[in-house]
Every structure is written in structure tokens, then in C-alpha cells.
Amino acid sequence: MRFTKEVETPRRSRQGDAGYDFYLPEDVVFKRGQKVTIDTGVAFDEGDIPDGCVMLLFPRSSLGSRYGLAFVNTVGVIDSQYRDTVKAPMHLLDPSVGWLRLEKGTRFMQGVIVPFVTIPNEIPPTEERKGGFGSTGV
């Protein structure tokens, strides 16, 4: 794991927890209707996410249920070959919440590493990743 900012290492809170908590690298203010993309400053190296697995990112449930904080793309997907920093595009959905301020060091999302399978007779992919966040197209 590499860090491009001063940030706490993602970690599980308790033995048996599935999710690795990610911490805000700086104070963030969310305003309803405005997208904020958080660059976590965390990048994974080869082997951090095992081949045949993917890390799925979710907002912490307390922030979603209390304030309507959600990912713009609903769930983040970090493939095992992704080497750029992990980014989280987020916005407020709750119409009763006009804005929300979270301080540096706040746990704001969780990453869960899960195995995946592929279609048995799929046409093999031919492209290699050439960029970072959103680089494989729309």
C-alpha cells in the first residue's frame, strides 16, 4: 500500500469485521446537490488486492442513514490491477440536509474485498489498464 497524502491506513475496527475503514485525508464540506470527489491518498500495490478479488467501496452506513451521504456511482469498484489513488465521488441525497462538514480523520467509507468469478466461455479481454480513475470508459 502506498500513500500520496498524510492519511491513516485503512483498517478493520474489530476482528471479524469485513470492511476496511477509510479515513478522510482533509476536512470536507458537502452541500446538497454538489458532487465532491475525495482523493483518499491511498493506492494499492500488486498483491494488496489478490488476483480473483475486487474491493467494493461503500459509504459508512451511519453517514448514509443519518445524512443521506452516498456515492455518485452507488458502489466503488477497485480491481486488483488498479494502481492510482482510491477516489470517492460523493453527494448528499437527504433533502432535509443542506450541508455536512466532516473532519480530517473521520471514517467515511469501507472497502470489502470479495472474490469474483467470470463467465466460463467469455471472450477474453484484450485491453490492459492504461490509466486510473474512470479510465476504462463510460
C-alpha atoms as a PDB file:
ATOM      1  CA  MET A   1       0.000   0.000   0.000  1.00  0.00           C
ATOM      2  CA  ARG A   2       1.270   3.476  -0.863  1.00  0.00           C
ATOM      3  CA  PHE A   3       0.200   6.890   0.394  1.00  0.00           C
ATOM      4  CA  THR A   4       0.276  10.163  -1.550  1.00  0.00           C
ATOM      5  CA  LYS A   5      -1.043  12.172   1.399  1.00  0.00           C
ATOM      6  CA  GLU A   6      -0.708  12.054   5.155  1.00  0.00           C
ATOM      7  CA  VAL A   7      -3.582   9.736   5.969  1.00  0.00           C
ATOM      8  CA  GLU A   8      -4.396   6.872   8.310  1.00  0.00           C
ATOM      9  CA  THR A   9      -4.002   3.363   6.918  1.00  0.00           C
ATOM     10  CA  PRO A  10      -7.339   1.720   6.036  1.00  0.00           C
ATOM     11  CA  ARG A  11      -8.046  -0.922   8.649  1.00  0.00           C
ATOM     12  CA  ARG A  12     -10.751  -3.060  10.186  1.00  0.00           C
ATOM     13  CA  SER A  13     -12.109  -1.904  13.533  1.00  0.00           C
ATOM     14  CA  ARG A  14     -12.606  -5.341  15.069  1.00  0.00           C
ATOM     15  CA  GLN A  15     -11.652  -8.955  14.458  1.00  0.00           C
ATOM     16  CA  GLY A  16     -14.356 -10.434  12.226  1.00  0.00           C
ATOM     17  CA  ASP A  17     -15.262  -7.119  10.518  1.00  0.00           C
ATOM     18  CA  ALA A  18     -15.390  -7.390   6.728  1.00  0.00           C
ATOM     19  CA  GLY A  19     -14.864  -3.704   5.923  1.00  0.00           C
ATOM     20  CA  TYR A  20     -11.616  -1.745   5.931  1.00  0.00           C
ATOM     21  CA  ASP A  21     -12.402   1.780   7.137  1.00  0.00           C
ATOM     22  CA  PHE A  22     -11.020   4.639   5.037  1.00  0.00           C
ATOM     23  CA  TYR A  23     -10.260   7.943   6.752  1.00  0.00           C
ATOM     24  CA  LEU A  24     -10.684  11.437   5.334  1.00  0.00           C
ATOM     25  CA  PRO A  25      -7.312  12.969   4.410  1.00  0.00           C
ATOM     26  CA  GLU A  26      -8.677  16.500   4.987  1.00  0.00           C
ATOM     27  CA  ASP A  27     -11.778  18.358   6.145  1.00  0.00           C
ATOM     28  CA  VAL A  28     -14.620  18.101   3.622  1.00  0.00           C
ATOM     29  CA  VAL A  29     -17.836  20.098   3.271  1.00  0.00           C
ATOM     30  CA  PHE A  30     -20.696  18.529   1.325  1.00  0.00           C
ATOM     31  CA  LYS A  31     -23.512  20.739   0.035  1.00  0.00           C
ATOM     32  CA  ARG A  32     -26.745  19.177  -1.178  1.00  0.00           C
ATOM     33  CA  GLY A  33     -26.687  18.783  -4.945  1.00  0.00           C
ATOM     34  CA  GLN A  34     -22.905  19.194  -5.220  1.00  0.00           C
ATOM     35  CA  LYS A  35     -20.577  16.307  -6.080  1.00  0.00           C
ATOM     36  CA  VAL A  36     -17.350  16.121  -4.066  1.00  0.00           C
ATOM     37  CA  THR A  37     -14.645  13.702  -5.209  1.00  0.00           C
ATOM     38  CA  ILE A  38     -12.432  12.696  -2.314  1.00  0.00           C
ATOM     39  CA  ASP A  39      -8.931  11.523  -3.184  1.00  0.00           C
ATOM     40  CA  THR A  40      -8.130   9.238  -0.250  1.00  0.00           C
ATOM     41  CA  GLY A  41      -4.376   9.363  -0.844  1.00  0.00           C
ATOM     42  CA  VAL A  42      -4.324   5.541  -0.652  1.00  0.00           C
ATOM     43  CA  ALA A  43      -3.063   3.436  -3.579  1.00  0.00           C
ATOM     44  CA  PHE A  44      -2.768  -0.331  -3.667  1.00  0.00           C
ATOM     45  CA  ASP A  45       0.308  -2.197  -4.865  1.00  0.00           C
ATOM     46  CA  GLU A  46       0.398  -5.545  -6.636  1.00  0.00           C
ATOM     47  CA  GLY A  47      -0.832  -8.239  -4.267  1.00  0.00           C
ATOM     48  CA  ASP A  48      -2.686  -5.906  -1.872  1.00  0.00           C
ATOM     49  CA  ILE A  49      -5.963  -6.949  -3.510  1.00  0.00           C
ATOM     50  CA  PRO A  50      -5.439 -10.604  -4.504  1.00  0.00           C
ATOM     51  CA  ASP A  51      -5.989 -11.724  -8.107  1.00  0.00           C
ATOM     52  CA  GLY A  52      -9.525 -13.054  -8.478  1.00  0.00           C
ATOM     53  CA  CYS A  53     -10.801 -10.491  -5.948  1.00  0.00           C
ATOM     54  CA  VAL A  54     -12.181  -6.971  -6.063  1.00  0.00           C
ATOM     55  CA  MET A  55     -12.548  -4.321  -3.374  1.00  0.00           C
ATOM     56  CA  LEU A  56     -16.067  -2.900  -3.199  1.00  0.00           C
ATOM     57  CA  LEU A  57     -16.423   0.536  -1.601  1.00  0.00           C
ATOM     58  CA  PHE A  58     -19.470   1.668   0.361  1.00  0.00           C
ATOM     59  CA  PRO A  59     -20.199   4.800   2.399  1.00  0.00           C
ATOM     60  CA  ARG A  60     -20.307   4.081   6.114  1.00  0.00           C
ATOM     61  CA  SER A  61     -23.895   3.177   6.921  1.00  0.00           C
ATOM     62  CA  SER A  62     -24.138   5.756   9.720  1.00  0.00           C
ATOM     63  CA  LEU A  63     -23.364   8.604   7.294  1.00  0.00           C
ATOM     64  CA  GLY A  64     -25.825   7.266   4.739  1.00  0.00           C
ATOM     65  CA  SER A  65     -28.687   6.727   7.170  1.00  0.00           C
ATOM     66  CA  ARG A  66     -28.187   9.950   9.171  1.00  0.00           C
ATOM     67  CA  TYR A  67     -27.301  12.389   6.394  1.00  0.00           C
ATOM     68  CA  GLY A  68     -28.009  10.721   3.052  1.00  0.00           C
ATOM     69  CA  LEU A  69     -24.327  10.655   2.101  1.00  0.00           C
ATOM     70  CA  ALA A  70     -23.893   8.346  -0.905  1.00  0.00           C
ATOM     71  CA  PHE A  71     -21.528   7.561  -3.742  1.00  0.00           C
ATOM     72  CA  VAL A  72     -22.461   9.221  -7.010  1.00  0.00           C
ATOM     73  CA  ASN A  73     -21.769   5.887  -8.742  1.00  0.00           C
ATOM     74  CA  THR A  74     -23.551   3.937  -5.926  1.00  0.00           C
ATOM     75  CA  VAL A  75     -20.704   1.438  -5.274  1.00  0.00           C
ATOM     76  CA  GLY A  76     -16.986   1.826  -5.896  1.00  0.00           C
ATOM     77  CA  VAL A  77     -15.096  -0.989  -7.624  1.00  0.00           C
ATOM     78  CA  ILE A  78     -11.332  -1.315  -7.150  1.00  0.00           C
ATOM     79  CA  ASP A  79      -9.868  -4.036  -9.371  1.00  0.00           C
ATOM     80  CA  SER A  80      -6.709  -5.848  -8.293  1.00  0.00           C
ATOM     81  CA  GLN A  81      -4.683  -4.113 -11.058  1.00  0.00           C
ATOM     82  CA  TYR A  82      -5.771  -0.547 -10.164  1.00  0.00           C
ATOM     83  CA  ARG A  83      -2.699   1.461  -9.080  1.00  0.00           C
ATOM     84  CA  ASP A  84      -3.951   5.060  -8.912  1.00  0.00           C
ATOM     85  CA  THR A  85      -5.201   6.506  -5.625  1.00  0.00           C
ATOM     86  CA  VAL A  86      -8.638   5.415  -4.481  1.00  0.00           C
ATOM     87  CA  LYS A  87     -11.198   8.154  -5.096  1.00  0.00           C
ATOM     88  CA  ALA A  88     -14.740   8.500  -3.786  1.00  0.00           C
ATOM     89  CA  PRO A  89     -17.233  10.693  -5.695  1.00  0.00           C
ATOM     90  CA  MET A  90     -19.941  11.509  -3.123  1.00  0.00           C
ATOM     91  CA  HIS A  91     -23.020  13.697  -2.646  1.00  0.00           C
ATOM     92  CA  LEU A  92     -25.850  14.354  -0.177  1.00  0.00           C
ATOM     93  CA  LEU A  93     -29.239  12.858  -1.028  1.00  0.00           C
ATOM     94  CA  ASP A  94     -31.357  13.689   2.035  1.00  0.00           C
ATOM     95  CA  PRO A  95     -33.476  16.768   1.143  1.00  0.00           C
ATOM     96  CA  SER A  96     -33.584  17.804   4.824  1.00  0.00           C
ATOM     97  CA  VAL A  97     -29.772  18.080   4.999  1.00  0.00           C
ATOM     98  CA  GLY A  98     -28.428  21.228   3.341  1.00  0.00           C
ATOM     99  CA  TRP A  99     -24.774  20.638   4.116  1.00  0.00           C
ATOM    100  CA  LEU A 100     -22.470  18.368   6.082  1.00  0.00           C
ATOM    101  CA  ARG A 101     -18.941  19.015   7.371  1.00  0.00           C
ATOM    102  CA  LEU A 102     -16.668  16.065   8.146  1.00  0.00           C
ATOM    103  CA  GLU A 103     -13.264  16.496   9.749  1.00  0.00           C
ATOM    104  CA  LYS A 104      -9.938  15.030   8.685  1.00  0.00           C
ATOM    105  CA  GLY A 105      -9.559  11.536  10.132  1.00  0.00           C
ATOM    106  CA  THR A 106     -13.299  10.742  10.033  1.00  0.00           C
ATOM    107  CA  ARG A 107     -14.081   7.215   8.898  1.00  0.00           C
ATOM    108  CA  PHE A 108     -16.264   7.844   5.849  1.00  0.00           C
ATOM    109  CA  MET A 109     -16.278   4.678   3.739  1.00  0.00           C
ATOM    110  CA  GLN A 110     -15.494   0.979   3.913  1.00  0.00           C
ATOM    111  CA  GLY A 111     -13.778  -1.330   1.463  1.00  0.00           C
ATOM    112  CA  VAL A 112     -14.718  -5.002   1.386  1.00  0.00           C
ATOM    113  CA  ILE A 113     -12.543  -7.461  -0.547  1.00  0.00           C
ATOM    114  CA  VAL A 114     -14.557 -10.222  -2.197  1.00  0.00           C
ATOM    115  CA  PRO A 115     -13.753 -12.987  -4.693  1.00  0.00           C
ATOM    116  CA  PHE A 116     -15.414 -12.984  -8.091  1.00  0.00           C
ATOM    117  CA  VAL A 117     -15.949 -15.488 -10.890  1.00  0.00           C
ATOM    118  CA  THR A 118     -16.086 -14.952 -14.632  1.00  0.00           C
ATOM    119  CA  ILE A 119     -18.384 -16.361 -17.296  1.00  0.00           C
ATOM    120  CA  PRO A 120     -16.944 -19.777 -18.279  1.00  0.00           C
ATOM    121  CA  ASN A 121     -16.911 -19.184 -22.065  1.00  0.00           C
ATOM    122  CA  GLU A 122     -16.325 -15.445 -22.135  1.00  0.00           C
ATOM    123  CA  ILE A 123     -14.346 -13.763 -24.891  1.00  0.00           C
ATOM    124  CA  PRO A 124     -11.046 -12.981 -23.146  1.00  0.00           C
ATOM    125  CA  PRO A 125     -10.346  -9.297 -22.512  1.00  0.00           C
ATOM    126  CA  THR A 126      -7.637  -7.846 -24.750  1.00  0.00           C
ATOM    127  CA  GLU A 127      -7.152  -4.370 -23.254  1.00  0.00           C
ATOM    128  CA  GLU A 128      -4.813  -3.532 -20.423  1.00  0.00           C
ATOM    129  CA  ARG A 129      -5.472  -0.751 -17.937  1.00  0.00           C
ATOM    130  CA  LYS A 130      -3.833   2.414 -19.233  1.00  0.00           C
ATOM    131  CA  GLY A 131      -4.951   4.935 -16.667  1.00  0.00           C
ATOM    132  CA  GLY A 132      -6.529   5.492 -13.316  1.00  0.00           C
ATOM    133  CA  PHE A 133      -9.950   6.510 -12.048  1.00  0.00           C
ATOM    134  CA  GLY A 134     -12.586   6.007 -14.765  1.00  0.00           C
ATOM    135  CA  SER A 135     -10.020   5.102 -17.431  1.00  0.00           C
ATOM    136  CA  THR A 136     -11.819   2.102 -18.849  1.00  0.00           C
ATOM    137  CA  GLY A 137     -14.556   4.263 -20.385  1.00  0.00           C
ATOM    138  CA  VAL A 138     -18.126   5.275 -19.826  1.00  0.00           C
END
